[in-house]
Amino acid sequence: MQKLGDMLIAANIITPAQLEEALSLQRQTGEKLGQTLINLGYVSEDVLLSFLARQQKLDFVYISEMDIDESVINLLPKTFIEKHNVFPISFDKKTNTLTVALPDPYNLFILDDIKLSTGLNVKPVVASPKDIKESIRKYLLREETTQVEKDIEELEKLESSIEVEETKEIEVKELAEEEPIVKLANNIIITAVRKRASDIHLEPFEKKCRLRYRIDGVAHEETFFPHHVYNALIARIKIMSKLDVTETRKPQDGRIKMRIDDREIDFRVSILPVVYGEKAVLRILDSSALCLDLEKLGFEPEQLEIFQRVIRSPFGLILITGPTGSGKSTTLYSALSTLNRPEVNILTIEDPVEYLISGITQVNVNPEVGLTFASGLRAFLRQAPDIILVGEIRDTETARIAIQAALTGQLVFSTLHTNDAPSAVTRLVNMGIDPFLISSTLTLVEAQRLVRKICPECRQPYQVPIEKLYPLGVTDEMVHGQKIITLYKATGCKKCNGGYKGRIGIYEIMEITDEIREMILKNVPDIEIKKVAIKNGMSTLRKSALKKMIAGITTIEEVLRVTISEEIGE
């Protein structure tokens, strides 16, 4: 049998040097070579499994691209499919053979159980665990999506009457107002809210269109549409968000407000022209689900103490950094809620205002009338504010005005898109801000991400020697000298999404000390600033995630998915 590493090199997937690096790390961690290559980012899970399958002379399949007959799925008990994460994909009556997708090409012992359970011959193929779980969600865990799929089936019967692409523009709006389309759009949105999704993705492709929900930061495939249904649905979404139904050549942004289950819920709508039509993304803003308690966001106790102390400063600039969807808005709103008192004048300018907070003056950016972050911020300074929130520092002008406000006695909060806290300094310098001004105003930078929380109902414990966790960044101090620690695996049950339920923040808080101010003045590279911050006690994003893994809140897979290795300062 050809070795996996040799196969990957022969196919030009990895280089000999990358293989040697992976083998060296594998000897330290004890992990399988394939998992090590995935963790290093040299191969994807799908590519790895396809080669492992080839090694075992098995086929690798993508279940998501197949149309599977439900009669085939019913040949295996639902409980068996869910427990073992396998999936039947076809049945050959002539040979009495059931083809079953497995996530592990080396675990063929389960075939005997399937034979005993069904009395059939079994042909194994390999699929990714994620693909199998998504198929289980799609075909078996259908309770929440049943109504949406029924609506689609009903619309497919009306194909001739709603062929939007072949209809005059003036008729598009009429078709989108028809009861079946209205019902489908409403049910898609209601289902997303009840599933606790953060986003709805509607995407057109060449042969079919797709609906996905983003739940706990991970997109889940729900169902597919024929194009004639999809086009009418997009037109309906445009009407609901007060957009131009006939405009299909340029992006559009809008908002929808709906009352669902006695809750007022806002949706930010983005329409984008793509190759096969228009893609729509609806961001769900549920104010009732907004947590404004800093103590419940996931800060470590020492981080929370620093954050709460600095945000009570009378002036200065506080920056929250991280990618889109990392929870920056929640942290900002929680900070403002903590500071919100009748004697404090708080103003915010946002794009757009996501959640309304009583007692705070909030302004929406409106570039069409000249109301930008910079112009709004200039106007704020004539309103005698105590605290200002600028939704995002996007350009040099906004950065300069925000720093000027901090210099003249206001406490200013804002966000930047950087990978970690020290990089915020470099970002401001690159915007053209003088290091002297940054040093004089910046008081704290906080970087953050969100990790999924493991479901407490179905998590499975396993024990790991501490030595195997050293390469991740775990230290003896973090586990209080234990030699073996208990971690948890995500398995999945009816109460969660693939073993996870909800998310929690991980944080990197860099307080601007006198030593760091001196470094900023000298325009020292951010990597050197990071070394000093870590030496002074800053917990990095990776360490914050590892602490939650050790506490049983999340998994090692989530730590590796969300954070990168941080050997600096170790």
Protein backbone atom coordinates (compact mmCIF):
# COMPACT_ATOMS: atom_id res chain seq x y z
CA MET A 1 0.00 0.00 0.00
CA GLN A 2 1.42 3.39 -1.05
CA LYS A 3 2.04 5.78 1.85
CA LEU A 4 -0.26 8.77 2.17
CA GLY A 5 2.59 11.31 2.16
CA ASP A 6 4.07 9.83 -1.03
CA MET A 7 0.66 9.93 -2.72
CA LEU A 8 0.15 13.60 -1.83
CA ILE A 9 3.63 14.54 -3.05
CA ALA A 10 3.14 12.62 -6.29
CA ALA A 11 -0.07 14.56 -6.91
CA ASN A 12 1.68 17.89 -6.16
CA ILE A 13 -0.68 18.53 -3.25
CA ILE A 14 2.19 19.01 -0.78
CA THR A 15 5.96 19.39 -1.03
CA PRO A 16 8.55 17.08 0.56
CA ALA A 17 9.45 19.90 2.97
CA GLN A 18 5.80 20.23 4.08
CA LEU A 19 5.61 16.46 4.60
CA GLU A 20 8.76 16.53 6.73
CA GLU A 21 7.33 19.38 8.81
CA ALA A 22 4.08 17.46 9.32
CA LEU A 23 5.92 14.25 10.29
CA SER A 24 8.02 16.19 12.81
CA LEU A 25 4.91 17.73 14.38
CA GLN A 26 3.13 14.37 14.32
CA ARG A 27 5.91 12.82 16.39
CA GLN A 28 5.31 15.50 19.02
CA THR A 29 1.49 15.37 19.10
CA GLY A 30 0.80 11.71 18.35
CA GLU A 31 -1.95 12.72 15.91
CA LYS A 32 -2.56 10.98 12.62
CA LEU A 33 -0.54 12.40 9.75
CA GLY A 34 -3.66 13.41 7.84
CA GLN A 35 -5.03 15.46 10.73
CA THR A 36 -1.65 17.13 11.19
CA LEU A 37 -1.60 18.15 7.51
CA ILE A 38 -5.12 19.59 7.88
CA ASN A 39 -4.14 21.53 11.02
CA LEU A 40 -1.13 22.98 9.19
CA GLY A 41 -3.40 24.09 6.34
CA TYR A 42 -1.58 22.05 3.69
CA VAL A 43 -4.60 19.95 2.65
CA SER A 44 -8.35 20.23 3.04
CA GLU A 45 -10.38 17.49 4.71
CA ASP A 46 -12.03 16.56 1.39
CA VAL A 47 -8.70 16.20 -0.42
CA LEU A 48 -7.25 14.12 2.40
CA LEU A 49 -10.24 11.77 2.53
CA SER A 50 -10.22 11.29 -1.23
CA PHE A 51 -6.60 10.09 -1.03
CA LEU A 52 -7.28 7.90 2.01
CA ALA A 53 -10.22 6.37 0.12
CA ARG A 54 -7.97 5.73 -2.88
CA GLN A 55 -5.50 4.06 -0.54
CA GLN A 56 -8.26 1.65 0.53
CA LYS A 57 -9.49 1.25 -3.09
CA LEU A 58 -12.78 3.01 -2.25
CA ASP A 59 -14.67 5.78 -4.04
CA PHE A 60 -14.93 9.28 -2.54
CA VAL A 61 -18.32 10.97 -3.05
CA TYR A 62 -20.03 14.31 -2.47
CA ILE A 63 -23.48 13.48 -1.08
CA SER A 64 -24.57 17.13 -1.36
CA GLU A 65 -24.44 16.82 -5.15
CA MET A 66 -26.71 13.76 -5.20
CA ASP A 67 -30.48 13.40 -5.29
CA ILE A 68 -31.15 10.53 -2.91
CA ASP A 69 -34.40 8.59 -2.88
CA GLU A 70 -35.96 8.58 0.58
CA SER A 71 -36.83 4.89 0.18
CA VAL A 72 -33.07 4.21 0.19
CA ILE A 73 -32.55 6.23 3.36
CA ASN A 74 -35.33 4.30 5.06
CA LEU A 75 -33.39 1.04 4.58
CA LEU A 76 -31.22 2.01 7.56
CA PRO A 77 -32.73 2.89 10.96
CA LYS A 78 -32.65 6.63 11.65
CA THR A 79 -31.04 6.07 15.05
CA PHE A 80 -28.26 4.00 13.47
CA ILE A 81 -27.52 6.70 10.87
CA GLU A 82 -27.35 9.46 13.50
CA LYS A 83 -25.32 7.43 16.01
CA HIS A 84 -22.64 6.25 13.57
CA ASN A 85 -22.67 9.27 11.23
CA VAL A 86 -23.10 7.12 8.11
CA PHE A 87 -25.48 7.67 5.20
CA PRO A 88 -27.11 5.31 2.65
CA ILE A 89 -26.95 6.81 -0.85
CA SER A 90 -28.18 4.13 -3.29
CA PHE A 91 -29.61 0.61 -3.55
CA ASP A 92 -29.11 -1.95 -6.33
CA LYS A 93 -32.08 -4.31 -6.38
CA LYS A 94 -30.37 -6.78 -8.74
CA THR A 95 -27.48 -7.45 -6.37
CA ASN A 96 -29.38 -6.57 -3.19
CA THR A 97 -26.57 -4.09 -2.38
CA LEU A 98 -26.87 -0.95 -0.30
CA THR A 99 -24.18 1.71 -0.92
CA VAL A 100 -23.32 3.52 2.33
CA ALA A 101 -21.11 6.60 2.79
CA LEU A 102 -18.67 6.38 5.71
CA PRO A 103 -16.58 9.21 7.23
CA ASP A 104 -13.56 6.99 7.98
CA PRO A 105 -12.16 4.75 5.21
CA TYR A 106 -10.31 2.68 7.82
CA ASN A 107 -13.32 1.94 10.02
CA LEU A 108 -14.89 -0.81 7.92
CA PHE A 109 -15.99 -2.88 10.93
CA ILE A 110 -19.25 -0.98 10.93
CA LEU A 111 -20.16 -2.72 7.66
CA ASP A 112 -20.90 -5.92 9.59
CA ASP A 113 -23.36 -4.02 11.79
CA ILE A 114 -25.09 -2.62 8.70
CA LYS A 115 -25.32 -6.10 7.16
CA LEU A 116 -26.85 -7.48 10.35
CA SER A 117 -29.21 -4.52 10.66
CA THR A 118 -30.50 -4.62 7.07
CA GLY A 119 -29.83 -8.15 5.78
CA LEU A 120 -28.36 -6.55 2.66
CA ASN A 121 -24.99 -6.60 0.97
CA VAL A 122 -23.08 -3.40 1.68
CA LYS A 123 -20.80 -1.38 -0.59
CA PRO A 124 -18.78 1.29 1.29
CA VAL A 125 -17.83 4.66 -0.16
CA VAL A 126 -16.21 7.60 1.62
CA ALA A 127 -17.63 11.10 2.26
CA SER A 128 -16.50 13.90 4.55
CA PRO A 129 -18.01 13.89 8.08
CA LYS A 130 -19.37 17.39 7.42
CA ASP A 131 -21.06 16.25 4.20
CA ILE A 132 -22.66 13.30 6.00
CA LYS A 133 -23.87 15.48 8.89
CA GLU A 134 -25.36 18.01 6.47
CA SER A 135 -27.17 15.17 4.66
CA ILE A 136 -28.54 13.90 7.97
CA ARG A 137 -29.80 17.43 8.68
CA LYS A 138 -31.27 17.72 5.21
CA TYR A 139 -33.02 14.35 4.96
CA LEU A 140 -33.66 13.23 8.54
CA LEU A 141 -33.81 16.25 10.83
CA ARG A 142 -36.48 17.88 8.75
CA GLU A 143 -38.93 19.06 11.37
CA GLU A 144 -38.00 22.73 11.03
CA THR A 145 -37.66 22.77 7.23
CA THR A 146 -40.67 20.62 6.33
CA GLN A 147 -42.93 23.61 5.73
CA VAL A 148 -40.37 25.38 3.52
CA GLU A 149 -39.94 22.27 1.39
CA LYS A 150 -43.70 21.82 1.10
CA ASP A 151 -43.94 25.40 -0.12
CA ILE A 152 -41.28 24.71 -2.76
CA GLU A 153 -43.08 21.57 -3.93
CA GLU A 154 -46.29 23.57 -4.25
CA LEU A 155 -44.50 26.22 -6.30
CA GLU A 156 -42.89 23.64 -8.57
CA LYS A 157 -46.38 22.56 -9.61
CA LEU A 158 -47.05 26.17 -10.67
CA GLU A 159 -43.91 26.38 -12.82
CA SER A 160 -45.66 27.67 -15.91
CA SER A 161 -47.27 30.55 -14.07
CA ILE A 162 -44.17 31.92 -12.36
CA GLU A 163 -41.43 31.76 -14.97
CA VAL A 164 -39.95 35.08 -13.94
CA GLU A 165 -37.07 35.04 -16.43
CA GLU A 166 -39.49 34.88 -19.34
CA THR A 167 -41.82 37.51 -17.95
CA LYS A 168 -41.91 41.23 -18.61
CA GLU A 169 -40.35 43.39 -15.90
CA ILE A 170 -43.68 44.94 -14.99
CA GLU A 171 -45.05 41.49 -14.09
CA VAL A 172 -42.22 40.56 -11.73
CA LYS A 173 -43.73 42.47 -8.83
CA GLU A 174 -47.12 40.84 -9.41
CA LEU A 175 -45.59 37.36 -9.33
CA ALA A 176 -43.73 38.16 -6.11
CA GLU A 177 -47.04 39.19 -4.50
CA GLU A 178 -48.65 35.80 -5.20
CA GLU A 179 -49.63 33.86 -2.08
CA PRO A 180 -47.31 30.83 -2.58
CA ILE A 181 -44.23 33.06 -2.93
CA VAL A 182 -45.25 35.25 0.02
CA LYS A 183 -45.77 32.13 2.13
CA LEU A 184 -42.41 30.64 1.10
CA ALA A 185 -40.47 33.83 1.91
CA ASN A 186 -42.15 34.16 5.30
CA ASN A 187 -41.52 30.52 6.22
CA ILE A 188 -37.83 30.73 5.25
CA ILE A 189 -37.40 33.75 7.53
CA ILE A 190 -39.45 32.32 10.41
CA THR A 191 -37.57 29.01 10.25
CA ALA A 192 -34.22 30.86 10.36
CA VAL A 193 -35.25 32.77 13.49
CA ARG A 194 -36.47 29.63 15.24
CA LYS A 195 -33.23 27.83 14.39
CA ARG A 196 -31.30 30.74 15.97
CA ALA A 197 -29.56 31.50 12.67
CA SER A 198 -27.56 34.72 12.30
CA ASP A 199 -27.80 34.87 8.49
CA ILE A 200 -29.91 33.54 5.63
CA HIS A 201 -28.06 32.87 2.35
CA LEU A 202 -29.98 32.50 -0.93
CA GLU A 203 -27.61 31.60 -3.77
CA PRO A 204 -28.16 30.83 -7.48
CA PHE A 205 -26.03 28.32 -9.37
CA GLU A 206 -26.14 26.95 -12.90
CA LYS A 207 -28.65 24.13 -12.40
CA LYS A 208 -30.24 24.89 -9.03
CA CYS A 209 -30.35 27.46 -6.26
CA ARG A 210 -29.53 26.96 -2.61
CA LEU A 211 -30.79 28.01 0.80
CA ARG A 212 -28.32 28.04 3.71
CA TYR A 213 -28.63 29.17 7.32
CA ARG A 214 -25.60 30.32 9.30
CA ILE A 215 -25.98 28.91 12.81
CA ASP A 216 -23.34 29.52 15.49
CA GLY A 217 -21.01 30.89 12.85
CA VAL A 218 -21.19 27.85 10.51
CA ALA A 219 -23.31 27.74 7.34
CA HIS A 220 -25.69 24.78 7.03
CA GLU A 221 -27.21 23.70 3.72
CA GLU A 222 -30.99 23.41 4.05
CA THR A 223 -32.63 22.87 0.68
CA PHE A 224 -32.53 23.67 -3.05
CA PHE A 225 -34.82 25.58 -5.44
CA PRO A 226 -35.45 25.46 -9.16
CA HIS A 227 -34.58 28.81 -10.81
CA HIS A 228 -38.16 29.86 -11.53
CA VAL A 229 -39.03 29.62 -7.82
CA TYR A 230 -35.79 31.30 -6.75
CA ASN A 231 -36.20 34.34 -9.01
CA ALA A 232 -39.72 35.00 -7.74
CA LEU A 233 -38.44 34.58 -4.15
CA ILE A 234 -35.67 37.16 -4.66
CA ALA A 235 -38.25 39.57 -6.07
CA ARG A 236 -40.35 39.00 -2.94
CA ILE A 237 -37.33 39.69 -0.68
CA LYS A 238 -36.75 42.96 -2.57
CA ILE A 239 -40.36 44.05 -2.06
CA MET A 240 -40.18 43.25 1.65
CA SER A 241 -37.01 45.33 2.00
CA LYS A 242 -38.32 48.20 -0.18
CA LEU A 243 -35.77 47.71 -2.96
CA ASP A 244 -36.10 48.12 -6.74
CA VAL A 245 -37.53 44.84 -8.03
CA THR A 246 -36.60 45.55 -11.64
CA GLU A 247 -32.94 46.43 -10.90
CA THR A 248 -30.80 43.32 -11.34
CA ARG A 249 -27.48 44.80 -12.46
CA LYS A 250 -26.15 46.46 -9.30
CA PRO A 251 -25.98 45.69 -5.57
CA GLN A 252 -28.79 46.87 -3.31
CA ASP A 253 -29.11 47.10 0.48
CA GLY A 254 -32.31 47.25 2.49
CA ARG A 255 -34.01 46.34 5.75
CA ILE A 256 -36.98 44.25 6.81
CA LYS A 257 -38.79 44.41 10.15
CA MET A 258 -41.02 41.50 11.17
CA ARG A 259 -42.78 40.35 14.31
CA ILE A 260 -42.03 36.67 14.91
CA ASP A 261 -43.10 34.74 18.01
CA ASP A 262 -44.00 38.03 19.77
CA ARG A 263 -40.55 39.53 19.05
CA GLU A 264 -39.63 42.49 16.86
CA ILE A 265 -36.81 41.31 14.61
CA ASP A 266 -34.84 43.35 12.06
CA PHE A 267 -33.17 41.95 8.96
CA ARG A 268 -30.38 43.66 7.02
CA VAL A 269 -30.71 42.66 3.38
CA SER A 270 -27.90 42.63 0.82
CA ILE A 271 -28.61 41.80 -2.85
CA LEU A 272 -25.60 41.10 -5.07
CA PRO A 273 -25.61 40.40 -8.85
CA VAL A 274 -23.71 37.16 -9.56
CA VAL A 275 -23.11 34.93 -12.59
CA TYR A 276 -26.42 33.04 -12.47
CA GLY A 277 -28.71 35.74 -11.05
CA GLU A 278 -28.74 37.55 -7.73
CA LYS A 279 -27.50 36.37 -4.35
CA ALA A 280 -29.35 37.55 -1.24
CA VAL A 281 -28.04 37.56 2.32
CA LEU A 282 -30.32 38.49 5.21
CA ARG A 283 -28.55 39.32 8.49
CA ILE A 284 -30.84 38.62 11.43
CA LEU A 285 -30.79 41.23 14.21
CA ASP A 286 -32.77 39.96 17.18
CA SER A 287 -32.58 42.55 19.95
CA SER A 288 -34.25 40.17 22.43
CA ALA A 289 -31.27 37.80 22.03
CA LEU A 290 -28.71 40.58 22.57
CA CYS A 291 -26.63 40.03 25.70
CA LEU A 292 -25.60 43.37 27.23
CA ASP A 293 -23.94 41.89 30.31
CA LEU A 294 -20.15 42.12 29.99
CA GLU A 295 -19.74 39.32 32.50
CA LYS A 296 -21.58 36.85 30.24
CA LEU A 297 -19.68 37.51 27.00
CA GLY A 298 -16.75 35.23 27.78
CA PHE A 299 -14.06 37.52 29.21
CA GLU A 300 -11.57 35.86 31.53
CA PRO A 301 -11.78 37.46 35.03
CA GLU A 302 -8.49 39.33 34.65
CA GLN A 303 -9.49 40.55 31.17
CA LEU A 304 -12.88 41.76 32.41
CA GLU A 305 -11.22 43.71 35.23
CA ILE A 306 -8.96 45.57 32.78
CA PHE A 307 -11.77 46.20 30.27
CA GLN A 308 -14.22 47.55 32.86
CA ARG A 309 -11.57 49.79 34.39
CA VAL A 310 -10.40 51.31 31.09
CA ILE A 311 -13.90 51.94 29.65
CA ARG A 312 -14.60 54.09 32.71
CA SER A 313 -11.78 56.46 31.77
CA PRO A 314 -13.01 60.05 31.16
CA PHE A 315 -11.32 60.24 27.73
CA GLY A 316 -9.23 58.22 25.28
CA LEU A 317 -9.64 55.92 22.28
CA ILE A 318 -10.76 52.29 22.71
CA LEU A 319 -10.63 50.02 19.66
CA ILE A 320 -12.43 46.69 19.20
CA THR A 321 -10.93 44.60 16.38
CA GLY A 322 -11.86 41.42 14.55
CA PRO A 323 -13.46 40.20 11.33
CA THR A 324 -17.12 40.57 10.38
CA GLY A 325 -19.31 38.38 12.59
CA SER A 326 -16.87 38.22 15.51
CA GLY A 327 -19.22 39.89 17.99
CA LYS A 328 -17.70 43.39 17.98
CA SER A 329 -21.10 45.13 18.01
CA THR A 330 -22.25 43.09 21.01
CA THR A 331 -19.12 44.05 22.95
CA LEU A 332 -19.54 47.73 22.07
CA TYR A 333 -23.24 47.80 22.98
CA SER A 334 -22.48 46.01 26.24
CA ALA A 335 -19.81 48.58 27.10
CA LEU A 336 -22.15 51.48 26.29
CA SER A 337 -24.96 49.86 28.29
CA THR A 338 -22.59 49.63 31.26
CA LEU A 339 -21.77 53.35 30.95
CA ASN A 340 -25.32 54.51 30.12
CA ARG A 341 -26.55 56.90 32.85
CA PRO A 342 -28.83 59.97 32.70
CA GLU A 343 -25.92 62.34 33.38
CA VAL A 344 -23.81 60.92 30.51
CA ASN A 345 -24.34 62.13 26.93
CA ILE A 346 -23.66 59.15 24.60
CA LEU A 347 -23.86 59.46 20.80
CA THR A 348 -23.27 56.74 18.21
CA ILE A 349 -22.89 56.82 14.42
CA GLU A 350 -23.28 53.39 12.80
CA ASP A 351 -23.72 51.76 9.39
CA PRO A 352 -26.42 50.83 10.12
CA VAL A 353 -27.72 51.04 13.69
CA GLU A 354 -28.12 47.36 14.59
CA TYR A 355 -29.84 47.58 17.98
CA LEU A 356 -31.61 50.49 19.65
CA ILE A 357 -30.59 51.22 23.24
CA SER A 358 -32.79 53.42 25.38
CA GLY A 359 -31.09 56.60 26.61
CA ILE A 360 -28.44 56.66 23.83
CA THR A 361 -28.61 58.91 20.74
CA GLN A 362 -27.97 56.73 17.68
CA VAL A 363 -27.42 57.95 14.10
CA ASN A 364 -27.45 55.99 10.82
CA VAL A 365 -24.79 56.70 8.20
CA ASN A 366 -26.40 57.99 4.98
CA PRO A 367 -23.79 58.69 2.26
CA GLU A 368 -26.51 59.72 -0.22
CA VAL A 369 -27.10 62.93 1.75
CA GLY A 370 -23.47 63.36 2.81
CA LEU A 371 -23.82 61.83 6.28
CA THR A 372 -20.62 59.77 6.57
CA PHE A 373 -18.72 58.61 9.64
CA ALA A 374 -16.44 61.65 9.30
CA SER A 375 -19.17 64.27 8.79
CA GLY A 376 -21.33 62.77 11.54
CA LEU A 377 -18.39 62.73 13.91
CA ARG A 378 -17.68 66.41 13.21
CA ALA A 379 -21.32 67.23 14.00
CA PHE A 380 -21.12 65.18 17.22
CA LEU A 381 -18.37 67.42 18.58
CA ARG A 382 -20.87 70.32 18.59
CA GLN A 383 -23.33 68.24 20.66
CA ALA A 384 -21.25 68.26 23.87
CA PRO A 385 -20.83 64.47 24.01
CA ASP A 386 -19.18 62.58 26.85
CA ILE A 387 -18.91 59.27 24.98
CA ILE A 388 -18.87 58.69 21.21
CA LEU A 389 -19.17 55.43 19.30
CA VAL A 390 -17.96 55.43 15.68
CA GLY A 391 -19.17 52.20 14.05
CA GLU A 392 -15.93 51.71 12.13
CA ILE A 393 -12.77 53.66 11.33
CA ARG A 394 -12.60 53.14 7.57
CA ASP A 395 -10.48 56.04 6.37
CA THR A 396 -7.88 58.60 7.42
CA GLU A 397 -10.39 61.43 7.88
CA THR A 398 -12.55 59.44 10.29
CA ALA A 399 -9.46 58.28 12.20
CA ARG A 400 -8.17 61.84 12.59
CA ILE A 401 -11.49 63.22 13.83
CA ALA A 402 -11.89 60.30 16.29
CA ILE A 403 -8.40 60.93 17.67
CA GLN A 404 -9.09 64.67 17.87
CA ALA A 405 -12.22 63.93 19.89
CA ALA A 406 -10.21 61.72 22.26
CA LEU A 407 -7.58 64.47 22.62
CA THR A 408 -10.19 67.07 23.55
CA GLY A 409 -11.78 65.12 26.38
CA GLN A 410 -14.22 62.56 24.92
CA LEU A 411 -14.16 58.80 25.40
CA VAL A 412 -14.28 57.31 21.87
CA PHE A 413 -15.11 53.73 20.95
CA SER A 414 -14.64 52.32 17.46
CA THR A 415 -13.74 49.19 15.48
CA LEU A 416 -11.01 48.14 13.06
CA HIS A 417 -10.54 45.03 10.95
CA THR A 418 -7.21 43.57 12.17
CA ASN A 419 -6.07 40.05 13.06
CA ASP A 420 -4.93 40.85 16.58
CA ALA A 421 -4.74 43.73 19.06
CA PRO A 422 -1.16 45.02 18.39
CA SER A 423 -1.87 45.20 14.62
CA ALA A 424 -4.33 48.04 15.29
CA VAL A 425 -1.39 50.39 15.90
CA THR A 426 0.17 49.53 12.52
CA ARG A 427 -3.22 49.95 10.84
CA LEU A 428 -3.60 53.49 12.19
CA VAL A 429 -0.04 54.39 11.16
CA ASN A 430 -0.74 53.05 7.66
CA MET A 431 -3.78 55.34 7.55
CA GLY A 432 -1.43 58.28 7.98
CA ILE A 433 -1.96 58.95 11.69
CA ASP A 434 1.11 60.32 13.47
CA PRO A 435 2.48 57.84 16.09
CA PHE A 436 2.52 60.75 18.57
CA LEU A 437 -1.25 61.13 18.27
CA ILE A 438 -1.82 57.37 18.61
CA SER A 439 0.40 57.23 21.69
CA SER A 440 -1.42 60.20 23.26
CA THR A 441 -4.97 58.88 22.78
CA LEU A 442 -5.08 55.08 22.51
CA THR A 443 -5.91 53.50 25.87
CA LEU A 444 -6.94 49.94 25.00
CA VAL A 445 -7.20 47.59 22.00
CA GLU A 446 -9.32 44.46 22.24
CA ALA A 447 -9.29 41.72 19.56
CA GLN A 448 -11.96 39.03 19.57
CA ARG A 449 -13.46 35.99 17.88
CA LEU A 450 -16.40 33.70 18.58
CA VAL A 451 -16.06 29.95 19.21
CA ARG A 452 -18.92 27.49 19.27
CA LYS A 453 -19.89 26.07 22.65
CA ILE A 454 -20.08 22.30 22.90
CA CYS A 455 -23.55 20.92 23.63
CA PRO A 456 -23.65 19.84 27.31
CA GLU A 457 -26.33 17.23 26.55
CA CYS A 458 -24.30 15.04 24.21
CA ARG A 459 -20.63 15.91 24.69
CA GLN A 460 -18.32 12.91 25.07
CA PRO A 461 -15.31 13.12 27.43
CA TYR A 462 -11.86 11.77 26.61
CA GLN A 463 -8.52 12.09 28.34
CA VAL A 464 -5.35 13.55 26.88
CA PRO A 465 -1.80 13.63 28.31
CA ILE A 466 -0.73 17.23 28.77
CA GLU A 467 2.41 16.62 26.64
CA LYS A 468 0.26 16.21 23.53
CA LEU A 469 -1.25 19.66 24.05
CA TYR A 470 2.03 21.56 24.38
CA PRO A 471 2.27 22.21 20.59
CA LEU A 472 -1.11 23.97 20.75
CA GLY A 473 0.14 26.41 23.37
CA VAL A 474 -1.19 24.72 26.53
CA THR A 475 1.12 25.24 29.51
CA ASP A 476 1.40 23.45 32.86
CA GLU A 477 0.23 26.66 34.52
CA MET A 478 -3.02 26.60 32.55
CA VAL A 479 -3.87 23.07 33.78
CA HIS A 480 -2.53 23.64 37.32
CA GLY A 481 0.14 20.97 36.95
CA GLN A 482 -2.18 18.13 35.90
CA LYS A 483 -0.53 15.40 33.81
CA ILE A 484 -3.76 14.20 32.16
CA ILE A 485 -6.75 16.41 31.45
CA THR A 486 -10.30 15.71 30.30
CA LEU A 487 -11.45 17.26 27.04
CA TYR A 488 -14.75 16.80 25.19
CA LYS A 489 -15.81 15.75 21.70
CA ALA A 490 -18.87 17.11 19.89
CA THR A 491 -21.23 14.30 18.86
CA GLY A 492 -24.63 15.81 18.07
CA CYS A 493 -28.19 15.38 19.33
CA LYS A 494 -31.67 16.78 18.71
CA LYS A 495 -30.98 19.76 20.96
CA CYS A 496 -27.93 21.06 19.10
CA ASN A 497 -26.30 21.62 15.72
CA GLY A 498 -23.76 18.88 15.12
CA GLY A 499 -22.63 18.84 18.75
CA TYR A 500 -22.55 22.61 19.29
CA LYS A 501 -25.06 25.03 20.76
CA GLY A 502 -24.44 28.77 20.96
CA ARG A 503 -21.19 30.74 20.84
CA ILE A 504 -18.95 32.54 23.30
CA GLY A 505 -16.25 35.16 22.86
CA ILE A 506 -12.50 34.73 23.11
CA TYR A 507 -10.51 37.91 23.71
CA GLU A 508 -7.08 39.50 23.50
CA ILE A 509 -6.90 42.69 25.54
CA MET A 510 -3.91 45.01 25.20
CA GLU A 511 -3.90 47.88 27.67
CA ILE A 512 -1.67 50.73 26.47
CA THR A 513 0.93 51.01 29.23
CA ASP A 514 3.72 53.62 29.40
CA GLU A 515 6.15 51.08 27.96
CA ILE A 516 3.89 50.40 24.96
CA ARG A 517 3.31 54.16 24.47
CA GLU A 518 7.07 54.61 24.16
CA MET A 519 7.20 51.83 21.57
CA ILE A 520 4.37 53.42 19.57
CA LEU A 521 6.19 56.77 19.63
CA LYS A 522 9.29 55.08 18.21
CA ASN A 523 7.15 53.36 15.53
CA VAL A 524 8.27 49.90 16.69
CA PRO A 525 6.79 46.97 14.64
CA ASP A 526 3.61 45.45 16.06
CA ILE A 527 5.31 42.07 16.57
CA GLU A 528 7.65 43.69 19.12
CA ILE A 529 4.70 45.41 20.81
CA LYS A 530 2.99 42.02 21.03
CA LYS A 531 6.01 40.46 22.72
CA VAL A 532 5.99 43.19 25.38
CA ALA A 533 2.21 42.93 25.86
CA ILE A 534 2.46 39.14 26.37
CA LYS A 535 5.37 39.62 28.79
CA ASN A 536 3.15 42.04 30.73
CA GLY A 537 0.36 39.45 30.98
CA MET A 538 -1.73 39.82 27.82
CA SER A 539 -3.60 36.60 27.03
CA THR A 540 -3.65 35.96 23.27
CA LEU A 541 -6.68 34.78 21.30
CA ARG A 542 -5.24 31.25 21.16
CA LYS A 543 -4.71 31.14 24.93
CA SER A 544 -8.19 32.48 25.57
CA ALA A 545 -9.61 29.71 23.38
CA LEU A 546 -7.46 27.06 25.05
CA LYS A 547 -8.72 28.09 28.47
CA LYS A 548 -12.28 27.54 27.29
CA MET A 549 -11.30 24.18 25.83
CA ILE A 550 -9.73 23.12 29.15
CA ALA A 551 -12.86 24.32 30.99
CA GLY A 552 -15.02 22.05 28.79
CA ILE A 553 -16.78 24.96 27.08
CA THR A 554 -15.50 24.26 23.57
CA THR A 555 -13.47 21.66 21.65
CA ILE A 556 -9.95 21.36 20.29
CA GLU A 557 -11.45 21.47 16.77
CA GLU A 558 -12.96 24.89 17.46
CA VAL A 559 -9.67 26.19 18.87
CA LEU A 560 -7.89 25.17 15.66
CA ARG A 561 -10.71 26.46 13.44
CA VAL A 562 -10.84 29.94 14.94
CA THR A 563 -7.29 30.72 16.08
CA ILE A 564 -3.77 30.40 14.72
CA SER A 565 -0.62 29.20 16.43
CA GLU A 566 1.02 31.95 18.49
CA GLU A 567 4.55 30.93 19.39
CA ILE A 568 5.60 34.55 19.86
CA GLY A 569 6.49 35.39 23.41
CA GLU A 570 6.16 31.78 24.55
